[in-house]
Protein backbone atom coordinates (compact mmCIF):
# COMPACT_ATOMS: atom_id res chain seq x y z
CA UNK A 1 56.73 52.09 7.61
CA UNK A 2 55.75 49.44 10.16
CA UNK A 3 53.98 50.66 13.26
CA UNK A 4 55.09 49.91 16.83
CA UNK A 5 52.40 47.23 17.11
CA UNK A 6 53.69 45.65 13.90
CA UNK A 7 57.23 45.51 15.32
CA UNK A 8 55.93 43.96 18.54
CA UNK A 9 54.02 41.41 16.49
CA UNK A 10 57.20 40.61 14.57
CA UNK A 11 59.08 39.96 17.81
CA UNK A 12 56.25 37.74 19.04
CA UNK A 13 56.24 35.94 15.72
CA UNK A 14 59.96 35.19 15.88
CA UNK A 15 59.56 33.80 19.39
CA UNK A 16 56.63 31.64 18.27
CA UNK A 17 58.66 30.25 15.38
CA UNK A 18 61.41 29.41 17.85
CA UNK A 19 58.93 27.45 20.00
CA UNK A 20 57.63 25.66 16.92
CA UNK A 21 61.12 24.55 15.91
CA UNK A 22 61.90 23.40 19.44
CA UNK A 23 58.71 21.34 19.58
CA UNK A 24 59.63 19.76 16.24
CA UNK A 25 63.06 18.81 17.53
CA UNK A 26 61.48 17.13 20.55
CA UNK A 27 59.41 14.74 18.42
CA UNK A 28 61.32 11.44 18.22
CA UNK A 29 62.58 10.34 14.82
CA UNK A 30 60.04 8.02 13.23
CA UNK A 31 57.12 9.39 15.28
CA UNK A 32 54.19 11.05 13.45
CA UNK A 33 54.38 14.83 13.11
CA UNK A 34 51.10 16.69 13.56
CA UNK A 35 49.96 20.16 14.49
CA UNK A 36 48.71 20.74 18.02
CA UNK A 37 45.74 22.99 17.29
CA UNK A 38 42.23 23.24 18.67
CA UNK A 39 40.23 23.12 15.46
CA UNK A 40 40.38 21.32 12.15
CA UNK A 41 38.50 21.45 8.87
CA UNK A 42 39.61 18.02 7.71
CA UNK A 43 36.74 15.58 7.32
CA UNK A 44 38.59 12.30 7.44
CA UNK A 45 39.24 10.41 10.68
CA UNK A 46 42.92 9.94 11.47
CA UNK A 47 44.74 7.27 13.41
CA UNK A 48 45.36 8.29 17.02
CA UNK A 49 48.92 9.13 18.06
CA UNK A 50 50.48 9.49 21.50
CA UNK A 51 53.30 11.87 20.59
CA UNK A 52 53.03 15.62 21.26
CA UNK A 53 52.05 17.85 18.36
CA UNK A 54 53.85 20.87 16.96
CA UNK A 55 53.46 23.97 19.12
CA UNK A 56 51.69 26.47 16.87
CA UNK A 57 50.05 28.40 19.70
CA UNK A 58 51.84 31.65 18.87
CA UNK A 59 51.21 31.53 15.12
CA UNK A 60 47.54 32.48 14.98
CA UNK A 61 47.55 36.20 14.20
CA UNK A 62 48.02 38.91 11.61
CA UNK A 63 51.46 40.50 11.72
CA UNK A 64 50.68 43.55 9.57
CA UNK A 65 48.33 44.94 6.94
CA UNK A 66 49.55 47.31 4.23
CA UNK A 67 46.37 49.06 2.98
CA UNK A 68 48.27 51.03 0.34
CA UNK A 69 50.11 48.10 -1.20
CA UNK A 70 47.11 45.86 -0.46
CA UNK A 71 49.14 43.11 1.15
CA UNK A 72 49.22 41.44 4.56
CA UNK A 73 51.77 39.41 6.47
CA UNK A 74 49.88 36.64 8.23
CA UNK A 75 50.85 33.75 10.48
CA UNK A 76 50.13 30.29 9.15
CA UNK A 77 47.60 29.26 11.80
CA UNK A 78 45.58 32.48 11.56
CA UNK A 79 41.93 31.73 10.85
CA UNK A 80 40.17 33.56 8.07
CA UNK A 81 37.78 34.89 10.70
CA UNK A 82 40.65 36.73 12.39
CA UNK A 83 42.28 37.67 9.10
CA UNK A 84 39.07 39.24 7.76
CA UNK A 85 38.58 41.11 11.05
CA UNK A 86 41.99 42.72 10.48
CA UNK A 87 41.50 43.63 6.81
CA UNK A 88 37.83 44.68 6.60
CA UNK A 89 38.37 47.98 8.47
CA UNK A 90 40.60 48.95 5.52
CA UNK A 91 37.93 47.96 2.97
CA UNK A 92 40.03 44.92 2.04
CA UNK A 93 39.77 41.13 2.15
CA UNK A 94 41.95 38.23 1.06
CA UNK A 95 41.50 37.56 -2.65
CA UNK A 96 39.63 34.37 -1.75
CA UNK A 97 37.91 33.88 1.62
CA UNK A 98 36.94 30.22 2.12
CA UNK A 99 33.44 29.91 3.48
CA UNK A 100 34.13 28.53 6.98
CA UNK A 101 35.44 30.85 9.70
CA UNK A 102 38.07 28.58 11.24
CA UNK A 103 39.83 27.54 8.05
CA UNK A 104 43.39 28.79 8.46
CA UNK A 105 45.37 30.62 5.84
CA UNK A 106 48.14 28.03 5.96
CA UNK A 107 45.57 25.25 5.71
CA UNK A 108 43.89 26.80 2.67
CA UNK A 109 47.25 27.12 0.92
CA UNK A 110 48.67 23.69 1.71
CA UNK A 111 45.22 22.25 1.00
CA UNK A 112 42.76 23.98 -1.28
CA UNK A 113 40.24 26.73 -0.65
CA UNK A 114 37.54 28.22 -2.81
CA UNK A 115 34.77 30.79 -2.71
CA UNK A 116 32.58 32.96 -4.89
CA UNK A 117 35.50 35.20 -5.95
CA UNK A 118 37.37 32.21 -7.41
CA UNK A 119 35.96 32.70 -10.91
CA UNK A 120 38.24 35.78 -11.12
CA UNK A 121 40.71 35.36 -8.21
CA UNK A 122 41.54 31.68 -8.52
CA UNK A 123 42.59 29.68 -5.47
CA UNK A 124 44.13 31.00 -2.22
CA UNK A 125 47.68 29.94 -3.05
CA UNK A 126 47.63 32.05 -6.23
CA UNK A 127 47.59 35.27 -4.17
CA UNK A 128 50.56 34.26 -2.01
CA UNK A 129 53.64 36.39 -2.67
CA UNK A 130 56.02 34.51 -0.36
CA UNK A 131 55.86 32.17 2.60
CA UNK A 132 58.09 30.91 5.37
CA UNK A 133 57.87 27.13 5.71
CA UNK A 134 59.08 24.76 8.41
CA UNK A 135 60.41 21.87 6.33
CA UNK A 136 60.84 18.24 7.23
CA UNK A 137 64.52 18.95 7.75
CA UNK A 138 63.55 21.27 10.64
CA UNK A 139 64.62 24.41 8.79
CA UNK A 140 62.67 27.60 8.08
CA UNK A 141 62.98 28.60 4.43
CA UNK A 142 61.37 31.52 2.60
CA UNK A 143 59.77 30.29 -0.62
CA UNK A 144 58.86 32.61 -3.47
CA UNK A 145 57.63 32.10 -7.05
CA UNK A 146 61.20 32.48 -8.30
CA UNK A 147 64.55 31.84 -6.72
CA UNK A 148 66.17 29.11 -4.65
CA UNK A 149 62.99 27.63 -3.17
CA UNK A 150 60.62 28.11 -6.10
CA UNK A 151 60.19 24.33 -6.33
CA UNK A 152 58.82 24.25 -2.77
CA UNK A 153 56.60 27.28 -3.43
CA UNK A 154 54.92 25.64 -6.42
CA UNK A 155 54.61 22.16 -4.92
CA UNK A 156 53.35 23.26 -1.50
CA UNK A 157 49.67 23.71 -2.57
CA UNK A 158 47.72 20.45 -2.10
CA UNK A 159 50.62 18.86 -0.18
CA UNK A 160 48.64 18.84 3.10
CA UNK A 161 51.65 19.08 5.37
CA UNK A 162 53.69 16.41 3.59
CA UNK A 163 56.31 19.06 2.68
CA UNK A 164 56.09 21.23 5.79
CA UNK A 165 54.01 23.90 7.48
CA UNK A 166 53.71 27.59 6.61
CA UNK A 167 54.59 29.87 9.51
CA UNK A 168 54.17 33.22 7.70
CA UNK A 169 52.55 34.13 4.41
CA UNK A 170 52.54 37.43 2.56
CA UNK A 171 49.35 37.67 0.53
CA UNK A 172 47.61 40.04 -1.85
CA UNK A 173 44.40 41.70 -0.72
CA UNK A 174 41.34 42.70 -2.70
CA UNK A 175 38.99 45.66 -2.34
CA UNK A 176 35.49 45.06 -1.03
CA UNK A 177 32.64 47.51 -0.49
CA UNK A 178 30.65 47.80 2.76
CA UNK A 179 27.78 45.82 1.24
CA UNK A 180 27.25 43.04 -1.29
CA UNK A 181 24.08 43.17 -3.41
CA UNK A 182 22.80 39.77 -4.52
CA UNK A 183 20.70 38.41 -7.37
CA UNK A 184 19.44 34.83 -7.31
CA UNK A 185 18.96 33.71 -10.91
CA UNK A 186 17.14 30.45 -11.61
CA UNK A 187 18.55 28.48 -14.53
CA UNK A 188 18.16 25.05 -16.11
CA UNK A 189 21.06 22.62 -15.72
CA UNK A 190 22.04 23.01 -19.37
CA UNK A 191 22.11 26.80 -18.95
CA UNK A 192 24.40 26.86 -15.91
CA UNK A 193 27.68 26.20 -17.72
CA UNK A 194 27.13 28.73 -20.54
CA UNK A 195 26.00 31.40 -18.05
CA UNK A 196 29.09 30.84 -15.92
CA UNK A 197 31.37 30.99 -18.97
CA UNK A 198 29.75 34.26 -20.04
CA UNK A 199 30.23 35.79 -16.59
CA UNK A 200 33.87 34.68 -16.51
CA UNK A 201 34.45 36.23 -19.94
CA UNK A 202 33.17 39.73 -19.25
CA UNK A 203 32.38 40.01 -15.52
CA UNK A 204 28.73 40.95 -16.07
CA UNK A 205 25.30 39.36 -16.27
CA UNK A 206 22.19 41.06 -17.58
CA UNK A 207 24.10 44.32 -17.91
CA UNK A 208 25.20 44.45 -14.25
CA UNK A 209 28.71 43.84 -12.89
CA UNK A 210 29.40 40.55 -11.13
CA UNK A 211 32.10 40.35 -8.44
CA UNK A 212 31.03 37.09 -6.78
CA UNK A 213 29.39 33.94 -8.15
CA UNK A 214 28.23 30.71 -6.56
CA UNK A 215 25.06 28.68 -6.74
CA UNK A 216 22.92 25.85 -5.45
CA UNK A 217 21.26 22.97 -7.29
CA UNK A 218 18.28 21.90 -5.20
CA UNK A 219 17.23 19.31 -7.79
CA UNK A 220 17.69 18.73 -11.53
CA UNK A 221 14.70 21.04 -12.04
CA UNK A 222 15.72 23.81 -9.65
CA UNK A 223 19.15 25.42 -9.76
CA UNK A 224 20.30 28.97 -9.05
CA UNK A 225 23.33 31.15 -9.54
CA UNK A 226 23.79 33.80 -6.84
CA UNK A 227 25.49 36.85 -8.36
CA UNK A 228 27.04 39.39 -6.02
CA UNK A 229 28.34 42.88 -6.67
CA UNK A 230 30.12 45.33 -4.44
CA UNK A 231 27.87 48.16 -3.24
CA UNK A 232 28.55 51.27 -1.17
CA UNK A 233 24.94 51.53 -0.04
CA UNK A 234 22.07 49.25 0.86
CA UNK A 235 18.48 50.25 1.63
CA UNK A 236 18.00 47.19 3.82
CA UNK A 237 20.27 44.27 4.69
CA UNK A 238 19.29 40.75 5.68
CA UNK A 239 20.51 38.89 8.74
CA UNK A 240 20.92 35.13 8.43
CA UNK A 241 22.54 34.64 11.82
CA UNK A 242 19.11 34.64 13.49
CA UNK A 243 15.94 32.78 12.59
CA UNK A 244 16.25 33.07 8.82
CA UNK A 245 18.44 30.63 6.90
CA UNK A 246 20.53 31.82 3.97
CA UNK A 247 20.24 28.88 1.59
CA UNK A 248 16.46 28.89 1.88
CA UNK A 249 16.39 32.58 0.95
CA UNK A 250 17.78 31.67 -2.47
CA UNK A 251 14.47 29.99 -3.28
CA UNK A 252 12.36 32.69 -1.65
CA UNK A 253 13.63 35.96 -3.09
CA UNK A 254 15.29 37.17 -6.28
CA UNK A 255 17.37 40.00 -4.74
CA UNK A 256 19.04 40.55 -1.40
CA UNK A 257 21.76 42.55 0.32
CA UNK A 258 24.23 41.75 3.11
CA UNK A 259 27.00 43.58 4.87
CA UNK A 260 30.40 42.55 3.57
CA UNK A 261 31.13 40.67 6.79
CA UNK A 262 27.81 38.81 6.72
CA UNK A 263 28.28 37.97 3.06
CA UNK A 264 31.70 36.43 3.68
CA UNK A 265 30.28 34.22 6.46
CA UNK A 266 26.81 33.61 4.99
CA UNK A 267 27.49 29.88 4.73
CA UNK A 268 29.15 29.43 8.11
CA UNK A 269 26.09 29.95 10.35
CA UNK A 270 24.34 26.84 9.06
CA UNK A 271 27.38 25.05 7.63
CA UNK A 272 25.70 25.59 4.28
CA UNK A 273 22.61 23.41 5.03
CA UNK A 274 24.23 20.76 7.19
CA UNK A 275 23.10 22.32 10.50
CA UNK A 276 19.74 20.61 9.87
CA UNK A 277 21.36 17.33 10.98
CA UNK A 278 21.72 18.78 14.50
CA UNK A 279 18.23 20.29 14.65
CA UNK A 280 19.54 23.84 14.31
CA UNK A 281 17.08 24.64 11.51
CA UNK A 282 14.06 23.61 13.57
CA UNK A 283 12.46 26.96 14.50
CA UNK A 284 11.92 25.97 18.13
CA UNK A 285 15.43 24.60 18.65
CA UNK A 286 16.92 27.54 16.75
CA UNK A 287 15.41 30.04 19.19
CA UNK A 288 17.11 28.22 22.06
CA UNK A 289 20.44 27.67 20.29
CA UNK A 290 22.65 30.72 21.04
CA UNK A 291 23.87 32.55 17.94
CA UNK A 292 27.48 32.36 19.07
CA UNK A 293 27.25 28.56 18.91
CA UNK A 294 25.61 28.43 15.47
CA UNK A 295 28.84 28.17 13.51
CA UNK A 296 30.81 25.57 11.60
CA UNK A 297 33.46 24.78 14.22
CA UNK A 298 30.76 23.89 16.77
CA UNK A 299 29.10 21.53 14.29
CA UNK A 300 32.48 20.04 13.44
CA UNK A 301 33.11 19.25 17.10
CA UNK A 302 29.75 17.49 17.28
CA UNK A 303 30.77 15.40 14.27
CA UNK A 304 34.06 14.61 16.00
CA UNK A 305 32.22 13.34 19.05
CA UNK A 306 30.04 11.14 16.85
CA UNK A 307 33.11 9.75 15.06
CA UNK A 308 34.59 8.77 18.41
CA UNK A 309 31.49 7.44 20.18
CA UNK A 310 29.14 6.42 17.32
CA UNK A 311 26.03 7.34 19.34
CA UNK A 312 23.84 8.21 16.34
CA UNK A 313 25.08 5.17 14.42
CA UNK A 314 24.14 2.83 17.29
CA UNK A 315 20.68 4.40 17.60
CA UNK A 316 20.21 4.04 13.85
CA UNK A 317 21.04 0.32 14.02
CA UNK A 318 18.71 -0.27 16.98
CA UNK A 319 15.89 1.18 14.91
CA UNK A 320 16.62 -1.38 12.20
CA UNK A 321 17.88 1.16 9.70
CA UNK A 322 20.79 0.40 7.36
CA UNK A 323 24.22 1.75 8.17
CA UNK A 324 25.10 4.98 6.42
CA UNK A 325 28.14 5.96 4.38
CA UNK A 326 29.59 9.40 4.82
CA UNK A 327 29.79 11.28 1.50
CA UNK A 328 31.59 14.58 2.08
CA UNK A 329 33.36 15.79 -1.04
CA UNK A 330 34.23 18.79 -3.17
CA UNK A 331 35.07 18.10 -6.79
CA UNK A 332 36.03 20.35 -9.68
CA UNK A 333 34.18 19.65 -12.92
CA UNK A 334 34.76 21.51 -16.22
CA UNK A 335 31.89 23.93 -16.82
CA UNK A 336 31.19 22.23 -20.14
CA UNK A 337 30.58 18.93 -18.30
CA UNK A 338 28.61 20.38 -15.35
CA UNK A 339 25.09 19.47 -16.46
CA UNK A 340 26.07 15.89 -17.24
CA UNK A 341 27.78 15.40 -13.90
CA UNK A 342 24.88 16.88 -11.93
CA UNK A 343 22.42 14.56 -13.67
CA UNK A 344 24.67 11.56 -13.00
CA UNK A 345 25.09 12.56 -9.37
CA UNK A 346 21.38 13.04 -8.73
CA UNK A 347 20.51 9.71 -10.35
CA UNK A 348 23.30 7.65 -8.78
CA UNK A 349 23.82 9.31 -5.38
CA UNK A 350 20.71 11.43 -4.88
CA UNK A 351 22.01 13.87 -2.26
CA UNK A 352 20.36 17.29 -2.38
CA UNK A 353 21.14 20.14 -2.50
CA UNK A 354 24.66 20.58 -3.89
CA UNK A 355 26.82 23.68 -3.90
CA UNK A 356 28.19 25.16 -7.13
CA UNK A 357 31.19 27.49 -7.20
CA UNK A 358 32.96 28.50 -10.43
CA UNK A 359 36.74 28.77 -10.44
CA UNK A 360 39.48 29.50 -12.89
CA UNK A 361 43.22 29.74 -12.39
CA UNK A 362 44.36 33.37 -12.27
CA UNK A 363 47.56 32.77 -14.17
CA UNK A 364 48.91 30.69 -17.03
CA UNK A 365 50.95 28.26 -14.94
CA UNK A 366 49.81 24.94 -13.55
CA UNK A 367 50.40 23.78 -9.98
CA UNK A 368 52.09 20.37 -9.84
CA UNK A 369 49.87 18.57 -7.31
CA UNK A 370 46.47 19.75 -8.58
CA UNK A 371 46.55 20.03 -12.32
CA UNK A 372 43.70 22.34 -13.27
CA UNK A 373 44.15 23.60 -16.82
CA UNK A 374 44.91 27.31 -17.28
CA UNK A 375 42.24 29.03 -19.33
CA UNK A 376 39.54 26.48 -18.48
CA UNK A 377 36.56 27.24 -16.27
CA UNK A 378 35.67 24.65 -13.64
CA UNK A 379 32.79 24.43 -11.21
CA UNK A 380 33.33 23.15 -7.70
CA UNK A 381 30.48 20.80 -6.82
CA UNK A 382 30.17 20.34 -3.06
CA UNK A 383 28.03 17.70 -1.37
CA UNK A 384 28.12 16.81 2.29
CA UNK A 385 26.07 14.21 4.10
CA UNK A 386 25.41 10.48 4.31
CA UNK A 387 23.67 7.85 2.20
CA UNK A 388 22.26 4.46 3.18
CA UNK A 389 24.54 1.52 2.51
CA UNK A 390 22.66 -0.82 0.19
CA UNK A 391 22.37 -4.53 0.99
CA UNK A 392 25.51 -6.33 -0.13
CA UNK A 393 27.44 -3.07 -0.53
CA UNK A 394 30.42 -1.95 1.53
CA UNK A 395 31.17 1.31 3.26
CA UNK A 396 33.05 3.45 0.74
CA UNK A 397 31.43 2.04 -2.39
CA UNK A 398 29.49 5.24 -3.15
CA UNK A 399 32.62 7.36 -2.70
CA UNK A 400 34.52 5.04 -5.04
CA UNK A 401 31.82 5.43 -7.68
CA UNK A 402 32.03 9.19 -7.32
CA UNK A 403 35.81 9.12 -7.70
CA UNK A 404 35.44 7.12 -10.93
CA UNK A 405 32.74 9.45 -12.25
CA UNK A 406 34.81 12.56 -11.50
CA UNK A 407 37.60 11.09 -13.63
CA UNK A 408 35.12 10.23 -16.40
CA UNK A 409 33.97 13.86 -16.44
CA UNK A 410 37.60 15.08 -16.59
CA UNK A 411 37.40 16.52 -13.09
CA UNK A 412 39.49 16.63 -9.91
CA UNK A 413 38.73 15.85 -6.30
CA UNK A 414 39.90 17.73 -3.20
CA UNK A 415 41.64 15.70 -0.48
CA UNK A 416 40.27 17.21 2.73
CA UNK A 417 37.91 14.26 3.22
CA UNK A 418 37.86 10.50 2.59
CA UNK A 419 39.70 9.14 -0.44
CA UNK A 420 39.72 5.54 -1.69
CA UNK A 421 42.14 5.52 -4.62
CA UNK A 422 44.68 2.75 -5.07
CA UNK A 423 48.29 3.87 -4.89
CA UNK A 424 48.93 3.84 -8.65
CA UNK A 425 45.84 5.90 -9.47
CA UNK A 426 46.49 8.35 -6.65
CA UNK A 427 50.12 8.88 -7.68
CA UNK A 428 49.01 9.62 -11.24
CA UNK A 429 46.15 11.96 -10.36
CA UNK A 430 48.09 13.99 -7.79
CA UNK A 431 51.51 13.89 -9.45
CA UNK A 432 53.23 12.17 -6.54
CA UNK A 433 56.48 11.67 -8.52
CA UNK A 434 56.89 15.48 -8.64
CA UNK A 435 56.07 15.67 -4.93
CA UNK A 436 58.66 12.97 -4.17
CA UNK A 437 61.40 14.94 -5.91
CA UNK A 438 60.73 18.05 -3.84
CA UNK A 439 60.21 16.02 -0.66
CA UNK A 440 63.62 14.40 -1.06
CA UNK A 441 65.19 17.87 -0.94
CA UNK A 442 63.21 19.35 1.95
CA UNK A 443 62.40 16.22 3.97
CA UNK A 444 65.39 13.95 3.28
CA UNK A 445 64.71 11.70 6.29
CA UNK A 446 60.99 11.36 5.45
CA UNK A 447 59.90 12.64 8.85
CA UNK A 448 56.66 14.08 7.48
CA UNK A 449 53.82 11.74 6.54
CA UNK A 450 53.37 11.25 2.80
CA UNK A 451 50.39 12.60 0.88
CA UNK A 452 48.91 9.18 0.07
CA UNK A 453 49.28 8.07 3.66
CA UNK A 454 47.49 11.20 4.86
CA UNK A 455 44.70 11.26 2.30
CA UNK A 456 43.92 7.57 1.83
CA UNK A 457 45.28 5.58 4.79
CA UNK A 458 44.31 8.35 7.30
CA UNK A 459 47.68 8.52 9.01
């Protein structure tokens, strides 16, 4: 039975949905529709607009947690940080917890999310049981895997707001122990794919259970898989929110242990390794940088300021250095092709390190807008930084080469950052004809910006 606090949350939720719909109705026809929220985990600049955004201020919480049924009802703008805070006291987490604290549940479902449980739990949208969606027609519909709105349910993932916005999602939860014990296993590039496939097949490595898998390739000669298992006890746990840095520990020790909470956010403190760009890994600066401000959303705001004011870019030019191209991407490569892609990437792009995260669809069905093959193991390869623009080259050329290489290796690219595809290629890769059919039903007046326009033309 729901508790009194759950009922109060339900009343608050209904009122918040009412405000959201009212704010949508106030946006003039033909004007861009965007969310009015304080944080974002998109990494592509967008054209400025002068119309008010959708009021989602009351849609940021957890409505209820059912620890027996292992489900939760969650508002669409709830961050994973707040969602985990509500579920961990019950020994539960979402099936997949994306690695940055301020990613929202609705954002991970309408976009894509991934983490070290994805080799067994798939992607965040695969653990959604039902969701309420504000459509382009201004209606709230409840979409489920079967029934009247099953077409919207299946097409919503990777639609990035082009079909609507989730206001409430009911999700499955997974058990987690108080601690996660880690092993860092060094492997050659040619051994990574077979090791991942073996772990996917039987959930063990070296005779020990594996509940979480990701990895880091520091160079073609130095790559690691980090294997985690649930543990009820730990003799000693590490703390990477202070002076020590998690990704460096992978090279320095073969075993480790973290609390469940610290494990889930191990990458957030230093934005994987990207905090080095702000000096946060310098020991002297790190001592002065308050812990509460060493987190991904703070770094993202710094990047936003740079995008607007170009301070670092102007300093770079004054020093006579070449302009730099931003290369911030996550791509899914079949495990069988992983070694080849990593060698190509290191030779042609040269960014180090790169993140490795195995994933596999939980079920047998495909999802229309992101066609991973059921039964095939992929590895997410994440790389985030900048490269010098070569003489005679144009900004975007490196990203275009990466897009072509990903296709050559039979992979897929996430759309949270810059994309450079032409319309025909984009429509084919992301199944825009299927999206258009569903969009015609739920957004008949085309009030919501299309997927190509969002991802490529930055509208």
